[in-house]
Amino acid sequence: ENIKGEVTSSEPATLSKAVRMAHTLIKQKVKAKAEREADNKKRKWENFQGGSSSG
C-alpha cells in the first residue's frame, strides 16, 4: 500500500514538521494493518472453532 494525498498548509513546512507528519502517517498505517491482521486471525479462529464443534 502507498500513502498518497495532497497536503495544503497556510505556512511552509519545515523538514522536522514533514518528518513528524510522515512518522505519524506510518504509525497510523502500521496500527491499521495490525488491526486488520488481528481481525483476520480472530475470524479464522472462530471459523475453526465452529467447524470442529459441528462434527
PDB file of N, CA and C in Angstrom:
ATOM      1  N   GLU A   1       0.841  -1.185   0.000  1.00  0.00           N
ATOM      2  CA  GLU A   1       0.000   0.000   0.000  1.00  0.00           C
ATOM      3  C   GLU A   1       0.877   1.236   0.000  1.00  0.00           C
ATOM      4  N   ASN A   2       0.392   2.252  -0.628  1.00  0.00           N
ATOM      5  CA  ASN A   2       1.096   3.526  -0.635  1.00  0.00           C
ATOM      6  C   ASN A   2       0.250   4.563   0.081  1.00  0.00           C
ATOM      7  N   ILE A   3       0.933   5.487   0.712  1.00  0.00           N
ATOM      8  CA  ILE A   3       0.240   6.619   1.313  1.00  0.00           C
ATOM      9  C   ILE A   3       0.281   7.733   0.283  1.00  0.00           C
ATOM     10  N   LYS A   4      -0.885   8.129  -0.200  1.00  0.00           N
ATOM     11  CA  LYS A   4      -0.948   9.170  -1.219  1.00  0.00           C
ATOM     12  C   LYS A   4      -1.851  10.281  -0.720  1.00  0.00           C
ATOM     13  N   GLY A   5      -1.657  11.451  -1.254  1.00  0.00           N
ATOM     14  CA  GLY A   5      -2.523  12.560  -0.902  1.00  0.00           C
ATOM     15  C   GLY A   5      -1.829  13.875  -1.084  1.00  0.00           C
ATOM     16  N   GLU A   6      -2.592  14.895  -0.923  1.00  0.00           N
ATOM     17  CA  GLU A   6      -2.067  16.241  -1.025  1.00  0.00           C
ATOM     18  C   GLU A   6      -2.300  16.948   0.292  1.00  0.00           C
ATOM     19  N   VAL A   7      -1.340  17.740   0.685  1.00  0.00           N
ATOM     20  CA  VAL A   7      -1.441  18.500   1.924  1.00  0.00           C
ATOM     21  C   VAL A   7      -1.294  19.965   1.581  1.00  0.00           C
ATOM     22  N   THR A   8      -2.221  20.767   2.038  1.00  0.00           N
ATOM     23  CA  THR A   8      -2.155  22.205   1.830  1.00  0.00           C
ATOM     24  C   THR A   8      -2.017  22.862   3.192  1.00  0.00           C
ATOM     25  N   SER A   9      -1.113  23.804   3.285  1.00  0.00           N
ATOM     26  CA  SER A   9      -0.859  24.449   4.562  1.00  0.00           C
ATOM     27  C   SER A   9      -0.762  25.948   4.356  1.00  0.00           C
ATOM     28  N   SER A  10      -1.115  26.689   5.401  1.00  0.00           N
ATOM     29  CA  SER A  10      -1.009  28.141   5.324  1.00  0.00           C
ATOM     30  C   SER A  10       0.414  28.605   5.589  1.00  0.00           C
ATOM     31  N   GLU A  11       1.240  27.704   6.104  1.00  0.00           N
ATOM     32  CA  GLU A  11       2.627  28.064   6.366  1.00  0.00           C
ATOM     33  C   GLU A  11       3.531  27.016   5.724  1.00  0.00           C
ATOM     34  N   PRO A  12       4.696  27.404   5.304  1.00  0.00           N
ATOM     35  CA  PRO A  12       5.593  26.427   4.692  1.00  0.00           C
ATOM     36  C   PRO A  12       6.052  25.395   5.726  1.00  0.00           C
ATOM     37  N   ALA A  13       6.120  24.155   5.298  1.00  0.00           N
ATOM     38  CA  ALA A  13       6.521  23.082   6.208  1.00  0.00           C
ATOM     39  C   ALA A  13       8.033  23.068   6.363  1.00  0.00           C
ATOM     40  N   THR A  14       8.462  22.857   7.569  1.00  0.00           N
ATOM     41  CA  THR A  14       9.885  22.675   7.802  1.00  0.00           C
ATOM     42  C   THR A  14      10.191  21.189   7.652  1.00  0.00           C
ATOM     43  N   LEU A  15      11.455  20.871   7.535  1.00  0.00           N
ATOM     44  CA  LEU A  15      11.840  19.470   7.400  1.00  0.00           C
ATOM     45  C   LEU A  15      11.394  18.667   8.618  1.00  0.00           C
ATOM     46  N   SER A  16      11.553  19.229   9.801  1.00  0.00           N
ATOM     47  CA  SER A  16      11.163  18.484  11.004  1.00  0.00           C
ATOM     48  C   SER A  16       9.656  18.254  11.051  1.00  0.00           C
ATOM     49  N   LYS A  17       8.860  19.227  10.593  1.00  0.00           N
ATOM     50  CA  LYS A  17       7.408  19.030  10.554  1.00  0.00           C
ATOM     51  C   LYS A  17       7.046  17.943   9.548  1.00  0.00           C
ATOM     52  N   ALA A  18       7.732  17.940   8.415  1.00  0.00           N
ATOM     53  CA  ALA A  18       7.469  16.916   7.404  1.00  0.00           C
ATOM     54  C   ALA A  18       7.825  15.529   7.932  1.00  0.00           C
ATOM     55  N   VAL A  19       8.921  15.429   8.644  1.00  0.00           N
ATOM     56  CA  VAL A  19       9.331  14.143   9.221  1.00  0.00           C
ATOM     57  C   VAL A  19       8.322  13.691  10.263  1.00  0.00           C
ATOM     58  N   ARG A  20       7.865  14.608  11.115  1.00  0.00           N
ATOM     59  CA  ARG A  20       6.851  14.254  12.126  1.00  0.00           C
ATOM     60  C   ARG A  20       5.567  13.780  11.463  1.00  0.00           C
ATOM     61  N   MET A  21       5.159  14.479  10.403  1.00  0.00           N
ATOM     62  CA  MET A  21       3.938  14.099   9.694  1.00  0.00           C
ATOM     63  C   MET A  21       4.095  12.700   9.084  1.00  0.00           C
ATOM     64  N   ALA A  22       5.232  12.448   8.452  1.00  0.00           N
ATOM     65  CA  ALA A  22       5.472  11.136   7.855  1.00  0.00           C
ATOM     66  C   ALA A  22       5.471  10.053   8.929  1.00  0.00           C
ATOM     67  N   HIS A  23       6.084  10.340  10.065  1.00  0.00           N
ATOM     68  CA  HIS A  23       6.130   9.380  11.173  1.00  0.00           C
ATOM     69  C   HIS A  23       4.716   9.064  11.668  1.00  0.00           C
ATOM     70  N   THR A  24       3.896  10.085  11.807  1.00  0.00           N
ATOM     71  CA  THR A  24       2.513   9.898  12.256  1.00  0.00           C
ATOM     72  C   THR A  24       1.725   9.060  11.256  1.00  0.00           C
ATOM     73  N   LEU A  25       1.886   9.352   9.966  1.00  0.00           N
ATOM     74  CA  LEU A  25       1.172   8.589   8.942  1.00  0.00           C
ATOM     75  C   LEU A  25       1.594   7.122   8.942  1.00  0.00           C
ATOM     76  N   ILE A  26       2.876   6.871   9.088  1.00  0.00           N
ATOM     77  CA  ILE A  26       3.360   5.491   9.112  1.00  0.00           C
ATOM     78  C   ILE A  26       2.833   4.762  10.347  1.00  0.00           C
ATOM     79  N   LYS A  27       2.815   5.436  11.505  1.00  0.00           N
ATOM     80  CA  LYS A  27       2.272   4.811  12.715  1.00  0.00           C
ATOM     81  C   LYS A  27       0.808   4.430  12.511  1.00  0.00           C
ATOM     82  N   GLN A  28       0.037   5.330  11.874  1.00  0.00           N
ATOM     83  CA  GLN A  28      -1.369   5.043  11.616  1.00  0.00           C
ATOM     84  C   GLN A  28      -1.512   3.842  10.686  1.00  0.00           C
ATOM     85  N   LYS A  29      -0.670   3.787   9.668  1.00  0.00           N
ATOM     86  CA  LYS A  29      -0.722   2.688   8.708  1.00  0.00           C
ATOM     87  C   LYS A  29      -0.384   1.365   9.390  1.00  0.00           C
ATOM     88  N   VAL A  30       0.647   1.350  10.216  1.00  0.00           N
ATOM     89  CA  VAL A  30       1.054   0.131  10.917  1.00  0.00           C
ATOM     90  C   VAL A  30      -0.047  -0.330  11.861  1.00  0.00           C
ATOM     91  N   LYS A  31      -0.650   0.615  12.574  1.00  0.00           N
ATOM     92  CA  LYS A  31      -1.725   0.272  13.506  1.00  0.00           C
ATOM     93  C   LYS A  31      -2.925  -0.317  12.759  1.00  0.00           C
ATOM     94  N   ALA A  32      -3.298   0.302  11.642  1.00  0.00           N
ATOM     95  CA  ALA A  32      -4.436  -0.183  10.863  1.00  0.00           C
ATOM     96  C   ALA A  32      -4.164  -1.587  10.325  1.00  0.00           C
ATOM     97  N   LYS A  33      -2.947  -1.825   9.862  1.00  0.00           N
ATOM     98  CA  LYS A  33      -2.601  -3.152   9.343  1.00  0.00           C
ATOM     99  C   LYS A  33      -2.649  -4.192  10.459  1.00  0.00           C
ATOM    100  N   ALA A  34      -2.130  -3.853  11.626  1.00  0.00           N
ATOM    101  CA  ALA A  34      -2.149  -4.781  12.757  1.00  0.00           C
ATOM    102  C   ALA A  34      -3.585  -5.112  13.160  1.00  0.00           C
ATOM    103  N   GLU A  35      -4.456  -4.119  13.138  1.00  0.00           N
ATOM    104  CA  GLU A  35      -5.859  -4.355  13.484  1.00  0.00           C
ATOM    105  C   GLU A  35      -6.527  -5.270  12.463  1.00  0.00           C
ATOM    106  N   ARG A  36      -6.238  -5.047  11.171  1.00  0.00           N
ATOM    107  CA  ARG A  36      -6.804  -5.914  10.132  1.00  0.00           C
ATOM    108  C   ARG A  36      -6.326  -7.351  10.304  1.00  0.00           C
ATOM    109  N   GLU A  37      -5.038  -7.523  10.563  1.00  0.00           N
ATOM    110  CA  GLU A  37      -4.493  -8.869  10.738  1.00  0.00           C
ATOM    111  C   GLU A  37      -5.084  -9.550  11.966  1.00  0.00           C
ATOM    112  N   ALA A  38      -5.283  -8.800  13.041  1.00  0.00           N
ATOM    113  CA  ALA A  38      -5.892  -9.370  14.247  1.00  0.00           C
ATOM    114  C   ALA A  38      -7.326  -9.805  13.959  1.00  0.00           C
ATOM    115  N   ASP A  39      -8.066  -8.988  13.209  1.00  0.00           N
ATOM    116  CA  ASP A  39      -9.436  -9.352  12.847  1.00  0.00           C
ATOM    117  C   ASP A  39      -9.452 -10.622  12.001  1.00  0.00           C
ATOM    118  N   ASN A  40      -8.514 -10.723  11.056  1.00  0.00           N
ATOM    119  CA  ASN A  40      -8.451 -11.909  10.200  1.00  0.00           C
ATOM    120  C   ASN A  40      -8.136 -13.157  11.013  1.00  0.00           C
ATOM    121  N   LYS A  41      -7.199 -13.055  11.960  1.00  0.00           N
ATOM    122  CA  LYS A  41      -6.857 -14.206  12.794  1.00  0.00           C
ATOM    123  C   LYS A  41      -8.042 -14.612  13.667  1.00  0.00           C
ATOM    124  N   LYS A  42      -8.751 -13.609  14.195  1.00  0.00           N
ATOM    125  CA  LYS A  42      -9.918 -13.895  15.023  1.00  0.00           C
ATOM    126  C   LYS A  42     -10.975 -14.618  14.195  1.00  0.00           C
ATOM    127  N   ARG A  43     -11.194 -14.135  12.969  1.00  0.00           N
ATOM    128  CA  ARG A  43     -12.181 -14.748  12.095  1.00  0.00           C
ATOM    129  C   ARG A  43     -11.795 -16.194  11.771  1.00  0.00           C
ATOM    130  N   LYS A  44     -10.506 -16.420  11.463  1.00  0.00           N
ATOM    131  CA  LYS A  44     -10.049 -17.777  11.163  1.00  0.00           C
ATOM    132  C   LYS A  44     -10.252 -18.687  12.373  1.00  0.00           C
ATOM    133  N   TRP A  45      -9.936 -18.176  13.566  1.00  0.00           N
ATOM    134  CA  TRP A  45     -10.094 -18.972  14.784  1.00  0.00           C
ATOM    135  C   TRP A  45     -11.562 -19.308  15.016  1.00  0.00           C
ATOM    136  N   GLU A  46     -12.447 -18.323  14.817  1.00  0.00           N
ATOM    137  CA  GLU A  46     -13.877 -18.566  15.017  1.00  0.00           C
ATOM    138  C   GLU A  46     -14.393 -19.585  14.006  1.00  0.00           C
ATOM    139  N   ASN A  47     -13.919 -19.497  12.759  1.00  0.00           N
ATOM    140  CA  ASN A  47     -14.329 -20.469  11.744  1.00  0.00           C
ATOM    141  C   ASN A  47     -13.829 -21.867  12.104  1.00  0.00           C
ATOM    142  N   PHE A  48     -12.612 -21.948  12.602  1.00  0.00           N
ATOM    143  CA  PHE A  48     -12.038 -23.231  13.013  1.00  0.00           C
ATOM    144  C   PHE A  48     -12.843 -23.822  14.165  1.00  0.00           C
ATOM    145  N   GLN A  49     -13.171 -23.010  15.139  1.00  0.00           N
ATOM    146  CA  GLN A  49     -13.942 -23.470  16.302  1.00  0.00           C
ATOM    147  C   GLN A  49     -15.325 -23.943  15.864  1.00  0.00           C
ATOM    148  N   GLY A  50     -15.964 -23.180  15.001  1.00  0.00           N
ATOM    149  CA  GLY A  50     -17.302 -23.543  14.535  1.00  0.00           C
ATOM    150  C   GLY A  50     -17.292 -24.825  13.730  1.00  0.00           C
ATOM    151  N   GLY A  51     -16.262 -25.011  12.916  1.00  0.00           N
ATOM    152  CA  GLY A  51     -16.165 -26.208  12.088  1.00  0.00           C
ATOM    153  C   GLY A  51     -15.898 -27.457  12.897  1.00  0.00           C
ATOM    154  N   SER A  52     -15.093 -27.348  13.960  1.00  0.00           N
ATOM    155  CA  SER A  52     -14.742 -28.542  14.737  1.00  0.00           C
ATOM    156  C   SER A  52     -15.852 -28.941  15.704  1.00  0.00           C
ATOM    157  N   SER A  53     -16.672 -27.996  16.143  1.00  0.00           N
ATOM    158  CA  SER A  53     -17.716 -28.326  17.113  1.00  0.00           C
ATOM    159  C   SER A  53     -18.969 -28.878  16.439  1.00  0.00           C
ATOM    160  N   SER A  54     -19.112 -28.688  15.119  1.00  0.00           N
ATOM    161  CA  SER A  54     -20.315 -29.149  14.436  1.00  0.00           C
ATOM    162  C   SER A  54     -20.188 -30.602  13.980  1.00  0.00           C
ATOM    163  N   GLY A  55     -18.973 -31.206  14.077  1.00  0.00           N
ATOM    164  CA  GLY A  55     -18.729 -32.535  13.537  1.00  0.00           C
ATOM    165  C   GLY A  55     -19.123 -33.615  14.435  1.00  0.00           C
TER     166      GLY A  55
END
